[in-house]
Amino acid sequence: MSTTVQTDSRAEVTLDTDTVDTIAILEADAAVHGRPARAKLTWSQEDDGEWVANYGGYFGGSVDKRDGRYVASDTFGLVVGDFASLEEAQGRLADQLHVMLPPVIRPVE
């Protein structure tokens, strides 16, 4: 034999303006702190046409100039993409590193 019990756990709550403002501030603060800052990224030019990324103290990959284009490769040597400018290649690699290396993410100084 089975018995079905239905309960309605919904309740109506009325909040004053100060409480609503406090909740909004707390949610906004949580959203800001919920996304970690990127690790510090520095670039060094190793050779003519080759730039190496240091991401939070770790090898982050490189950008190589090939036939007037810039090829970005990640920390594992996998090609991230082929770009028209050095800035675009470095920016895309930086975005990729932020996703690939979450343990390295720490506040930027």
PDB file of N, CA and C in Angstrom:
ATOM      1  N   MET A   1       0.845  -1.163   0.000  1.00  0.00           N
ATOM      2  CA  MET A   1       0.000   0.000   0.000  1.00  0.00           C
ATOM      3  C   MET A   1       0.896   1.233   0.000  1.00  0.00           C
ATOM      4  N   SER A   2       0.539   2.237  -0.776  1.00  0.00           N
ATOM      5  CA  SER A   2       1.312   3.469  -0.817  1.00  0.00           C
ATOM      6  C   SER A   2       0.388   4.658  -0.610  1.00  0.00           C
ATOM      7  N   THR A   3       0.975   5.671  -0.068  1.00  0.00           N
ATOM      8  CA  THR A   3       0.217   6.883   0.198  1.00  0.00           C
ATOM      9  C   THR A   3       0.937   8.048  -0.453  1.00  0.00           C
ATOM     10  N   THR A   4       0.236   8.855  -1.160  1.00  0.00           N
ATOM     11  CA  THR A   4       0.819  10.035  -1.782  1.00  0.00           C
ATOM     12  C   THR A   4       0.473  11.246  -0.943  1.00  0.00           C
ATOM     13  N   VAL A   5       1.517  11.977  -0.606  1.00  0.00           N
ATOM     14  CA  VAL A   5       1.323  13.175   0.207  1.00  0.00           C
ATOM     15  C   VAL A   5       1.787  14.364  -0.617  1.00  0.00           C
ATOM     16  N   GLN A   6       0.952  15.346  -0.723  1.00  0.00           N
ATOM     17  CA  GLN A   6       1.327  16.556  -1.448  1.00  0.00           C
ATOM     18  C   GLN A   6       1.502  17.690  -0.459  1.00  0.00           C
ATOM     19  N   THR A   7       2.647  18.335  -0.567  1.00  0.00           N
ATOM     20  CA  THR A   7       2.880  19.489   0.297  1.00  0.00           C
ATOM     21  C   THR A   7       3.222  20.688  -0.570  1.00  0.00           C
ATOM     22  N   ASP A   8       2.807  21.798  -0.182  1.00  0.00           N
ATOM     23  CA  ASP A   8       3.113  23.035  -0.890  1.00  0.00           C
ATOM     24  C   ASP A   8       4.067  23.831  -0.006  1.00  0.00           C
ATOM     25  N   SER A   9       5.348  23.853  -0.403  1.00  0.00           N
ATOM     26  CA  SER A   9       6.352  24.512   0.433  1.00  0.00           C
ATOM     27  C   SER A   9       6.569  25.965   0.021  1.00  0.00           C
ATOM     28  N   ARG A  10       5.780  26.461  -0.906  1.00  0.00           N
ATOM     29  CA  ARG A  10       5.925  27.860  -1.310  1.00  0.00           C
ATOM     30  C   ARG A  10       5.337  28.764  -0.245  1.00  0.00           C
ATOM     31  N   ALA A  11       6.033  29.862  -0.020  1.00  0.00           N
ATOM     32  CA  ALA A  11       5.542  30.843   0.943  1.00  0.00           C
ATOM     33  C   ALA A  11       5.712  32.225   0.329  1.00  0.00           C
ATOM     34  N   GLU A  12       4.848  33.097   0.638  1.00  0.00           N
ATOM     35  CA  GLU A  12       4.938  34.456   0.145  1.00  0.00           C
ATOM     36  C   GLU A  12       5.703  35.275   1.165  1.00  0.00           C
ATOM     37  N   VAL A  13       6.692  36.010   0.676  1.00  0.00           N
ATOM     38  CA  VAL A  13       7.523  36.808   1.556  1.00  0.00           C
ATOM     39  C   VAL A  13       7.518  38.246   1.058  1.00  0.00           C
ATOM     40  N   THR A  14       7.410  39.147   1.957  1.00  0.00           N
ATOM     41  CA  THR A  14       7.469  40.564   1.616  1.00  0.00           C
ATOM     42  C   THR A  14       8.764  41.126   2.193  1.00  0.00           C
ATOM     43  N   LEU A  15       9.531  41.787   1.325  1.00  0.00           N
ATOM     44  CA  LEU A  15      10.810  42.356   1.748  1.00  0.00           C
ATOM     45  C   LEU A  15      10.751  43.871   1.675  1.00  0.00           C
ATOM     46  N   ASP A  16      11.398  44.502   2.632  1.00  0.00           N
ATOM     47  CA  ASP A  16      11.470  45.963   2.590  1.00  0.00           C
ATOM     48  C   ASP A  16      12.583  46.390   1.646  1.00  0.00           C
ATOM     49  N   THR A  17      12.616  47.640   1.281  1.00  0.00           N
ATOM     50  CA  THR A  17      13.577  48.166   0.308  1.00  0.00           C
ATOM     51  C   THR A  17      15.017  47.982   0.769  1.00  0.00           C
ATOM     52  N   ASP A  18      15.298  48.181   2.034  1.00  0.00           N
ATOM     53  CA  ASP A  18      16.666  48.017   2.544  1.00  0.00           C
ATOM     54  C   ASP A  18      17.150  46.578   2.367  1.00  0.00           C
ATOM     55  N   THR A  19      16.293  45.616   2.618  1.00  0.00           N
ATOM     56  CA  THR A  19      16.657  44.206   2.459  1.00  0.00           C
ATOM     57  C   THR A  19      16.917  43.881   0.990  1.00  0.00           C
ATOM     58  N   VAL A  20      16.075  44.386   0.111  1.00  0.00           N
ATOM     59  CA  VAL A  20      16.260  44.157  -1.331  1.00  0.00           C
ATOM     60  C   VAL A  20      17.580  44.768  -1.789  1.00  0.00           C
ATOM     61  N   ASP A  21      17.893  45.988  -1.326  1.00  0.00           N
ATOM     62  CA  ASP A  21      19.161  46.630  -1.674  1.00  0.00           C
ATOM     63  C   ASP A  21      20.356  45.825  -1.168  1.00  0.00           C
ATOM     64  N   THR A  22      20.264  45.307   0.046  1.00  0.00           N
ATOM     65  CA  THR A  22      21.345  44.499   0.625  1.00  0.00           C
ATOM     66  C   THR A  22      21.562  43.226  -0.186  1.00  0.00           C
ATOM     67  N   ILE A  23      20.489  42.573  -0.575  1.00  0.00           N
ATOM     68  CA  ILE A  23      20.601  41.353  -1.390  1.00  0.00           C
ATOM     69  C   ILE A  23      21.253  41.678  -2.729  1.00  0.00           C
ATOM     70  N   ALA A  24      20.866  42.773  -3.351  1.00  0.00           N
ATOM     71  CA  ALA A  24      21.448  43.163  -4.637  1.00  0.00           C
ATOM     72  C   ALA A  24      22.939  43.423  -4.513  1.00  0.00           C
ATOM     73  N   ILE A  25      23.355  44.087  -3.436  1.00  0.00           N
ATOM     74  CA  ILE A  25      24.779  44.360  -3.212  1.00  0.00           C
ATOM     75  C   ILE A  25      25.547  43.065  -3.000  1.00  0.00           C
ATOM     76  N   LEU A  26      25.009  42.162  -2.206  1.00  0.00           N
ATOM     77  CA  LEU A  26      25.674  40.878  -1.956  1.00  0.00           C
ATOM     78  C   LEU A  26      25.791  40.053  -3.233  1.00  0.00           C
ATOM     79  N   GLU A  27      24.750  40.029  -4.051  1.00  0.00           N
ATOM     80  CA  GLU A  27      24.801  39.282  -5.311  1.00  0.00           C
ATOM     81  C   GLU A  27      25.827  39.889  -6.258  1.00  0.00           C
ATOM     82  N   ALA A  28      25.886  41.206  -6.340  1.00  0.00           N
ATOM     83  CA  ALA A  28      26.861  41.866  -7.212  1.00  0.00           C
ATOM     84  C   ALA A  28      28.279  41.581  -6.742  1.00  0.00           C
ATOM     85  N   ASP A  29      28.504  41.611  -5.434  1.00  0.00           N
ATOM     86  CA  ASP A  29      29.825  41.334  -4.881  1.00  0.00           C
ATOM     87  C   ASP A  29      30.224  39.888  -5.146  1.00  0.00           C
ATOM     88  N   ALA A  30      29.286  38.971  -5.020  1.00  0.00           N
ATOM     89  CA  ALA A  30      29.566  37.552  -5.276  1.00  0.00           C
ATOM     90  C   ALA A  30      29.899  37.333  -6.739  1.00  0.00           C
ATOM     91  N   ALA A  31      29.247  38.032  -7.641  1.00  0.00           N
ATOM     92  CA  ALA A  31      29.517  37.881  -9.072  1.00  0.00           C
ATOM     93  C   ALA A  31      30.919  38.363  -9.412  1.00  0.00           C
ATOM     94  N   VAL A  32      31.353  39.458  -8.797  1.00  0.00           N
ATOM     95  CA  VAL A  32      32.693  39.990  -9.048  1.00  0.00           C
ATOM     96  C   VAL A  32      33.752  39.036  -8.528  1.00  0.00           C
ATOM     97  N   HIS A  33      33.558  38.506  -7.325  1.00  0.00           N
ATOM     98  CA  HIS A  33      34.551  37.625  -6.730  1.00  0.00           C
ATOM     99  C   HIS A  33      34.441  36.194  -7.231  1.00  0.00           C
ATOM    100  N   GLY A  34      33.357  35.865  -7.897  1.00  0.00           N
ATOM    101  CA  GLY A  34      33.185  34.516  -8.409  1.00  0.00           C
ATOM    102  C   GLY A  34      34.058  34.219  -9.615  1.00  0.00           C
ATOM    103  N   ARG A  35      34.483  35.268 -10.307  1.00  0.00           N
ATOM    104  CA  ARG A  35      35.334  35.070 -11.474  1.00  0.00           C
ATOM    105  C   ARG A  35      36.752  35.497 -11.123  1.00  0.00           C
ATOM    106  N   PRO A  36      37.669  34.549 -11.046  1.00  0.00           N
ATOM    107  CA  PRO A  36      39.024  34.886 -10.624  1.00  0.00           C
ATOM    108  C   PRO A  36      39.747  35.753 -11.645  1.00  0.00           C
ATOM    109  N   ALA A  37      40.658  36.570 -11.142  1.00  0.00           N
ATOM    110  CA  ALA A  37      41.487  37.388 -12.019  1.00  0.00           C
ATOM    111  C   ALA A  37      42.473  36.482 -12.747  1.00  0.00           C
ATOM    112  N   ARG A  38      42.929  36.962 -13.858  1.00  0.00           N
ATOM    113  CA  ARG A  38      43.911  36.182 -14.615  1.00  0.00           C
ATOM    114  C   ARG A  38      45.282  36.258 -13.955  1.00  0.00           C
ATOM    115  N   ALA A  39      46.039  35.213 -14.183  1.00  0.00           N
ATOM    116  CA  ALA A  39      47.421  35.223 -13.713  1.00  0.00           C
ATOM    117  C   ALA A  39      48.200  36.239 -14.541  1.00  0.00           C
ATOM    118  N   LYS A  40      49.310  36.671 -14.013  1.00  0.00           N
ATOM    119  CA  LYS A  40      50.138  37.640 -14.727  1.00  0.00           C
ATOM    120  C   LYS A  40      50.725  36.975 -15.972  1.00  0.00           C
ATOM    121  N   LEU A  41      50.600  37.655 -17.097  1.00  0.00           N
ATOM    122  CA  LEU A  41      51.112  37.161 -18.373  1.00  0.00           C
ATOM    123  C   LEU A  41      52.191  38.109 -18.866  1.00  0.00           C
ATOM    124  N   THR A  42      53.369  37.572 -19.136  1.00  0.00           N
ATOM    125  CA  THR A  42      54.448  38.378 -19.703  1.00  0.00           C
ATOM    126  C   THR A  42      54.961  37.703 -20.961  1.00  0.00           C
ATOM    127  N   TRP A  43      55.463  38.515 -21.854  1.00  0.00           N
ATOM    128  CA  TRP A  43      55.994  38.019 -23.118  1.00  0.00           C
ATOM    129  C   TRP A  43      57.467  38.359 -23.234  1.00  0.00           C
ATOM    130  N   SER A  44      58.240  37.457 -23.808  1.00  0.00           N
ATOM    131  CA  SER A  44      59.638  37.746 -24.122  1.00  0.00           C
ATOM    132  C   SER A  44      59.900  37.297 -25.552  1.00  0.00           C
ATOM    133  N   GLN A  45      60.696  38.086 -26.245  1.00  0.00           N
ATOM    134  CA  GLN A  45      61.029  37.731 -27.624  1.00  0.00           C
ATOM    135  C   GLN A  45      62.308  36.917 -27.596  1.00  0.00           C
ATOM    136  N   GLU A  46      62.191  35.646 -27.941  1.00  0.00           N
ATOM    137  CA  GLU A  46      63.329  34.725 -27.891  1.00  0.00           C
ATOM    138  C   GLU A  46      64.233  34.886 -29.112  1.00  0.00           C
ATOM    139  N   ASP A  47      63.647  34.905 -30.277  1.00  0.00           N
ATOM    140  CA  ASP A  47      64.367  35.065 -31.547  1.00  0.00           C
ATOM    141  C   ASP A  47      63.581  36.024 -32.412  1.00  0.00           C
ATOM    142  N   ASP A  48      64.133  36.361 -33.549  1.00  0.00           N
ATOM    143  CA  ASP A  48      63.408  37.184 -34.497  1.00  0.00           C
ATOM    144  C   ASP A  48      62.187  36.399 -34.970  1.00  0.00           C
ATOM    145  N   GLY A  49      61.000  36.913 -34.668  1.00  0.00           N
ATOM    146  CA  GLY A  49      59.784  36.239 -35.097  1.00  0.00           C
ATOM    147  C   GLY A  49      59.281  35.168 -34.145  1.00  0.00           C
ATOM    148  N   GLU A  50      59.791  35.140 -32.883  1.00  0.00           N
ATOM    149  CA  GLU A  50      59.316  34.146 -31.908  1.00  0.00           C
ATOM    150  C   GLU A  50      59.152  34.809 -30.534  1.00  0.00           C
ATOM    151  N   TRP A  51      57.923  34.728 -30.001  1.00  0.00           N
ATOM    152  CA  TRP A  51      57.606  35.289 -28.695  1.00  0.00           C
ATOM    153  C   TRP A  51      57.130  34.163 -27.790  1.00  0.00           C
ATOM    154  N   VAL A  52      57.579  34.186 -26.535  1.00  0.00           N
ATOM    155  CA  VAL A  52      57.239  33.139 -25.579  1.00  0.00           C
ATOM    156  C   VAL A  52      56.440  33.750 -24.428  1.00  0.00           C
ATOM    157  N   ALA A  53      55.376  33.048 -24.034  1.00  0.00           N
ATOM    158  CA  ALA A  53      54.504  33.518 -22.959  1.00  0.00           C
ATOM    159  C   ALA A  53      54.885  32.883 -21.629  1.00  0.00           C
ATOM    160  N   ASN A  54      54.906  33.702 -20.589  1.00  0.00           N
ATOM    161  CA  ASN A  54      55.062  33.231 -19.220  1.00  0.00           C
ATOM    162  C   ASN A  54      53.741  33.548 -18.532  1.00  0.00           C
ATOM    163  N   TYR A  55      53.017  32.512 -18.142  1.00  0.00           N
ATOM    164  CA  TYR A  55      51.689  32.680 -17.557  1.00  0.00           C
ATOM    165  C   TYR A  55      51.726  32.250 -16.098  1.00  0.00           C
ATOM    166  N   GLY A  56      51.752  33.207 -15.205  1.00  0.00           N
ATOM    167  CA  GLY A  56      51.779  32.913 -13.770  1.00  0.00           C
ATOM    168  C   GLY A  56      53.005  32.139 -13.349  1.00  0.00           C
ATOM    169  N   GLY A  57      54.127  32.350 -14.035  1.00  0.00           N
ATOM    170  CA  GLY A  57      55.359  31.651 -13.697  1.00  0.00           C
ATOM    171  C   GLY A  57      55.567  30.346 -14.453  1.00  0.00           C
ATOM    172  N   TYR A  58      54.644  30.015 -15.357  1.00  0.00           N
ATOM    173  CA  TYR A  58      54.724  28.773 -16.133  1.00  0.00           C
ATOM    174  C   TYR A  58      54.814  29.087 -17.620  1.00  0.00           C
ATOM    175  N   PHE A  59      55.406  28.171 -18.373  1.00  0.00           N
ATOM    176  CA  PHE A  59      55.440  28.307 -19.825  1.00  0.00           C
ATOM    177  C   PHE A  59      54.011  28.272 -20.343  1.00  0.00           C
ATOM    178  N   GLY A  60      53.622  29.340 -21.048  1.00  0.00           N
ATOM    179  CA  GLY A  60      52.252  29.429 -21.523  1.00  0.00           C
ATOM    180  C   GLY A  60      52.088  29.145 -22.996  1.00  0.00           C
ATOM    181  N   GLY A  61      53.178  29.055 -23.722  1.00  0.00           N
ATOM    182  CA  GLY A  61      53.077  28.823 -25.154  1.00  0.00           C
ATOM    183  C   GLY A  61      53.915  29.836 -25.903  1.00  0.00           C
ATOM    184  N   SER A  62      53.651  29.936 -27.198  1.00  0.00           N
ATOM    185  CA  SER A  62      54.459  30.839 -28.007  1.00  0.00           C
ATOM    186  C   SER A  62      53.670  31.338 -29.205  1.00  0.00           C
ATOM    187  N   VAL A  63      54.223  32.397 -29.803  1.00  0.00           N
ATOM    188  CA  VAL A  63      53.703  32.929 -31.059  1.00  0.00           C
ATOM    189  C   VAL A  63      54.885  32.995 -32.012  1.00  0.00           C
ATOM    190  N   ASP A  64      54.721  32.400 -33.178  1.00  0.00           N
ATOM    191  CA  ASP A  64      55.766  32.390 -34.193  1.00  0.00           C
ATOM    192  C   ASP A  64      55.284  33.099 -35.440  1.00  0.00           C
ATOM    193  N   LYS A  65      56.153  33.936 -36.019  1.00  0.00           N
ATOM    194  CA  LYS A  65      55.814  34.614 -37.267  1.00  0.00           C
ATOM    195  C   LYS A  65      56.217  33.699 -38.423  1.00  0.00           C
ATOM    196  N   ARG A  66      55.206  33.344 -39.242  1.00  0.00           N
ATOM    197  CA  ARG A  66      55.439  32.461 -40.389  1.00  0.00           C
ATOM    198  C   ARG A  66      54.768  33.051 -41.622  1.00  0.00           C
ATOM    199  N   ASP A  67      55.559  33.361 -42.622  1.00  0.00           N
ATOM    200  CA  ASP A  67      55.040  33.895 -43.884  1.00  0.00           C
ATOM    201  C   ASP A  67      54.132  35.108 -43.676  1.00  0.00           C
ATOM    202  N   GLY A  68      54.535  36.008 -42.781  1.00  0.00           N
ATOM    203  CA  GLY A  68      53.777  37.220 -42.532  1.00  0.00           C
ATOM    204  C   GLY A  68      52.554  37.043 -41.636  1.00  0.00           C
ATOM    205  N   ARG A  69      52.304  35.843 -41.145  1.00  0.00           N
ATOM    206  CA  ARG A  69      51.186  35.553 -40.237  1.00  0.00           C
ATOM    207  C   ARG A  69      51.763  35.179 -38.871  1.00  0.00           C
ATOM    208  N   TYR A  70      50.932  35.186 -37.853  1.00  0.00           N
ATOM    209  CA  TYR A  70      51.366  34.871 -36.498  1.00  0.00           C
ATOM    210  C   TYR A  70      50.612  33.641 -36.011  1.00  0.00           C
ATOM    211  N   VAL A  71      51.352  32.571 -35.725  1.00  0.00           N
ATOM    212  CA  VAL A  71      50.764  31.308 -35.297  1.00  0.00           C
ATOM    213  C   VAL A  71      50.980  31.159 -33.786  1.00  0.00           C
ATOM    214  N   ALA A  72      49.873  31.044 -33.063  1.00  0.00           N
ATOM    215  CA  ALA A  72      49.929  30.889 -31.609  1.00  0.00           C
ATOM    216  C   ALA A  72      49.797  29.411 -31.261  1.00  0.00           C
ATOM    217  N   SER A  73      50.658  28.940 -30.373  1.00  0.00           N
ATOM    218  CA  SER A  73      50.622  27.558 -29.875  1.00  0.00           C
ATOM    219  C   SER A  73      50.546  27.596 -28.356  1.00  0.00           C
ATOM    220  N   ASP A  74      49.720  26.721 -27.781  1.00  0.00           N
ATOM    221  CA  ASP A  74      49.524  26.735 -26.328  1.00  0.00           C
ATOM    222  C   ASP A  74      50.659  26.030 -25.599  1.00  0.00           C
ATOM    223  N   THR A  75      50.506  25.888 -24.312  1.00  0.00           N
ATOM    224  CA  THR A  75      51.531  25.304 -23.449  1.00  0.00           C
ATOM    225  C   THR A  75      51.858  23.856 -23.800  1.00  0.00           C
ATOM    226  N   PHE A  76      50.927  23.186 -24.491  1.00  0.00           N
ATOM    227  CA  PHE A  76      51.140  21.797 -24.896  1.00  0.00           C
ATOM    228  C   PHE A  76      51.625  21.670 -26.331  1.00  0.00           C
ATOM    229  N   GLY A  77      51.835  22.813 -27.006  1.00  0.00           N
ATOM    230  CA  GLY A  77      52.306  22.797 -28.380  1.00  0.00           C
ATOM    231  C   GLY A  77      51.191  22.683 -29.410  1.00  0.00           C
ATOM    232  N   LEU A  78      49.949  22.728 -28.972  1.00  0.00           N
ATOM    233  CA  LEU A  78      48.822  22.654 -29.897  1.00  0.00           C
ATOM    234  C   LEU A  78      48.543  24.040 -30.468  1.00  0.00           C
ATOM    235  N   VAL A  79      48.294  24.108 -31.753  1.00  0.00           N
ATOM    236  CA  VAL A  79      48.051  25.385 -32.415  1.00  0.00           C
ATOM    237  C   VAL A  79      46.699  25.954 -31.987  1.00  0.00           C
ATOM    238  N   VAL A  80      46.727  27.190 -31.515  1.00  0.00           N
ATOM    239  CA  VAL A  80      45.521  27.905 -31.103  1.00  0.00           C
ATOM    240  C   VAL A  80      44.896  28.592 -32.312  1.00  0.00           C
ATOM    241  N   GLY A  81      45.744  29.080 -33.214  1.00  0.00           N
ATOM    242  CA  GLY A  81      45.224  29.731 -34.413  1.00  0.00           C
ATOM    243  C   GLY A  81      46.299  30.460 -35.177  1.00  0.00           C
ATOM    244  N   ASP A  82      45.909  30.951 -36.337  1.00  0.00           N
ATOM    245  CA  ASP A  82      46.761  31.675 -37.267  1.00  0.00           C
ATOM    246  C   ASP A  82      46.157  33.078 -37.387  1.00  0.00           C
ATOM    247  N   PHE A  83      46.943  34.128 -37.127  1.00  0.00           N
ATOM    248  CA  PHE A  83      46.393  35.476 -37.011  1.00  0.00           C
ATOM    249  C   PHE A  83      47.155  36.474 -37.865  1.00  0.00           C
ATOM    250  N   ALA A  84      46.491  37.574 -38.180  1.00  0.00           N
ATOM    251  CA  ALA A  84      47.090  38.610 -39.016  1.00  0.00           C
ATOM    252  C   ALA A  84      48.050  39.503 -38.243  1.00  0.00           C
ATOM    253  N   SER A  85      47.845  39.630 -36.913  1.00  0.00           N
ATOM    254  CA  SER A  85      48.715  40.504 -36.124  1.00  0.00           C
ATOM    255  C   SER A  85      49.249  39.783 -34.887  1.00  0.00           C
ATOM    256  N   LEU A  86      50.368  40.285 -34.401  1.00  0.00           N
ATOM    257  CA  LEU A  86      50.963  39.741 -33.179  1.00  0.00           C
ATOM    258  C   LEU A  86      50.033  39.950 -31.991  1.00  0.00           C
ATOM    259  N   GLU A  87      49.427  41.124 -31.905  1.00  0.00           N
ATOM    260  CA  GLU A  87      48.531  41.433 -30.788  1.00  0.00           C
ATOM    261  C   GLU A  87      47.335  40.490 -30.743  1.00  0.00           C
ATOM    262  N   GLU A  88      46.782  40.203 -31.912  1.00  0.00           N
ATOM    263  CA  GLU A  88      45.637  39.290 -31.980  1.00  0.00           C
ATOM    264  C   GLU A  88      46.040  37.875 -31.545  1.00  0.00           C
ATOM    265  N   ALA A  89      47.198  37.418 -31.990  1.00  0.00           N
ATOM    266  CA  ALA A  89      47.685  36.081 -31.617  1.00  0.00           C
ATOM    267  C   ALA A  89      47.948  35.995 -30.113  1.00  0.00           C
ATOM    268  N   GLN A  90      48.590  37.014 -29.564  1.00  0.00           N
ATOM    269  CA  GLN A  90      48.876  37.019 -28.130  1.00  0.00           C
ATOM    270  C   GLN A  90      47.593  37.100 -27.310  1.00  0.00           C
ATOM    271  N   GLY A  91      46.644  37.891 -27.762  1.00  0.00           N
ATOM    272  CA  GLY A  91      45.368  38.006 -27.050  1.00  0.00           C
ATOM    273  C   GLY A  91      44.597  36.701 -27.035  1.00  0.00           C
ATOM    274  N   ARG A  92      44.560  36.014 -28.166  1.00  0.00           N
ATOM    275  CA  ARG A  92      43.840  34.736 -28.237  1.00  0.00           C
ATOM    276  C   ARG A  92      44.504  33.689 -27.367  1.00  0.00           C
ATOM    277  N   LEU A  93      45.846  33.656 -27.376  1.00  0.00           N
ATOM    278  CA  LEU A  93      46.561  32.702 -26.529  1.00  0.00           C
ATOM    279  C   LEU A  93      46.310  33.018 -25.053  1.00  0.00           C
ATOM    280  N   ALA A  94      46.298  34.289 -24.686  1.00  0.00           N
ATOM    281  CA  ALA A  94      46.015  34.670 -23.298  1.00  0.00           C
ATOM    282  C   ALA A  94      44.631  34.186 -22.880  1.00  0.00           C
ATOM    283  N   ASP A  95      43.633  34.361 -23.743  1.00  0.00           N
ATOM    284  CA  ASP A  95      42.280  33.877 -23.442  1.00  0.00           C
ATOM    285  C   ASP A  95      42.274  32.362 -23.261  1.00  0.00           C
ATOM    286  N   GLN A  96      42.982  31.653 -24.130  1.00  0.00           N
ATOM    287  CA  GLN A  96      43.059  30.193 -24.070  1.00  0.00           C
ATOM    288  C   GLN A  96      43.720  29.729 -22.780  1.00  0.00           C
ATOM    289  N   LEU A  97      44.788  30.403 -22.371  1.00  0.00           N
ATOM    290  CA  LEU A  97      45.503  30.018 -21.153  1.00  0.00           C
ATOM    291  C   LEU A  97      44.631  30.191 -19.922  1.00  0.00           C
ATOM    292  N   HIS A  98      43.828  31.228 -19.917  1.00  0.00           N
ATOM    293  CA  HIS A  98      42.951  31.487 -18.774  1.00  0.00           C
ATOM    294  C   HIS A  98      41.950  30.338 -18.579  1.00  0.00           C
ATOM    295  N   VAL A  99      41.543  29.732 -19.665  1.00  0.00           N
ATOM    296  CA  VAL A  99      40.602  28.606 -19.601  1.00  0.00           C
ATOM    297  C   VAL A  99      41.340  27.292 -19.337  1.00  0.00           C
ATOM    298  N   MET A 100      42.488  27.103 -19.983  1.00  0.00           N
ATOM    299  CA  MET A 100      43.239  25.843 -19.901  1.00  0.00           C
ATOM    300  C   MET A 100      43.903  25.601 -18.562  1.00  0.00           C
ATOM    301  N   LEU A 101      44.373  26.655 -17.931  1.00  0.00           N
ATOM    302  CA  LEU A 101      45.207  26.501 -16.738  1.00  0.00           C
ATOM    303  C   LEU A 101      44.554  27.109 -15.496  1.00  0.00           C
ATOM    304  N   PRO A 102      43.360  26.637 -15.115  1.00  0.00           N
ATOM    305  CA  PRO A 102      42.699  27.237 -13.946  1.00  0.00           C
ATOM    306  C   PRO A 102      43.498  27.159 -12.654  1.00  0.00           C
ATOM    307  N   PRO A 103      44.331  26.126 -12.402  1.00  0.00           N
ATOM    308  CA  PRO A 103      45.088  26.122 -11.156  1.00  0.00           C
ATOM    309  C   PRO A 103      46.100  27.255 -11.075  1.00  0.00           C
ATOM    310  N   VAL A 104      46.459  27.835 -12.223  1.00  0.00           N
ATOM    311  CA  VAL A 104      47.452  28.900 -12.243  1.00  0.00           C
ATOM    312  C   VAL A 104      46.795  30.250 -11.969  1.00  0.00           C
ATOM    313  N   ILE A 105      45.482  30.310 -12.093  1.00  0.00           N
ATOM    314  CA  ILE A 105      44.781  31.585 -11.930  1.00  0.00           C
ATOM    315  C   ILE A 105      44.938  32.064 -10.486  1.00  0.00           C
ATOM    316  N   ARG A 106      45.397  33.282 -10.371  1.00  0.00           N
ATOM    317  CA  ARG A 106      45.522  33.927  -9.064  1.00  0.00           C
ATOM    318  C   ARG A 106      45.442  35.442  -9.296  1.00  0.00           C
ATOM    319  N   PRO A 107      45.226  36.204  -8.263  1.00  0.00           N
ATOM    320  CA  PRO A 107      45.066  37.650  -8.465  1.00  0.00           C
ATOM    321  C   PRO A 107      46.274  38.276  -9.133  1.00  0.00           C
ATOM    322  N   VAL A 108      46.010  39.232  -9.992  1.00  0.00           N
ATOM    323  CA  VAL A 108      47.063  39.981 -10.658  1.00  0.00           C
ATOM    324  C   VAL A 108      47.594  41.010  -9.690  1.00  0.00           C
ATOM    325  N   GLU A 109      48.902  41.121  -9.622  1.00  0.00           N
ATOM    326  CA  GLU A 109      49.518  42.082  -8.688  1.00  0.00           C
ATOM    327  C   GLU A 109      49.664  43.428  -9.326  1.00  0.00           C
TER     328      GLU A 109
END
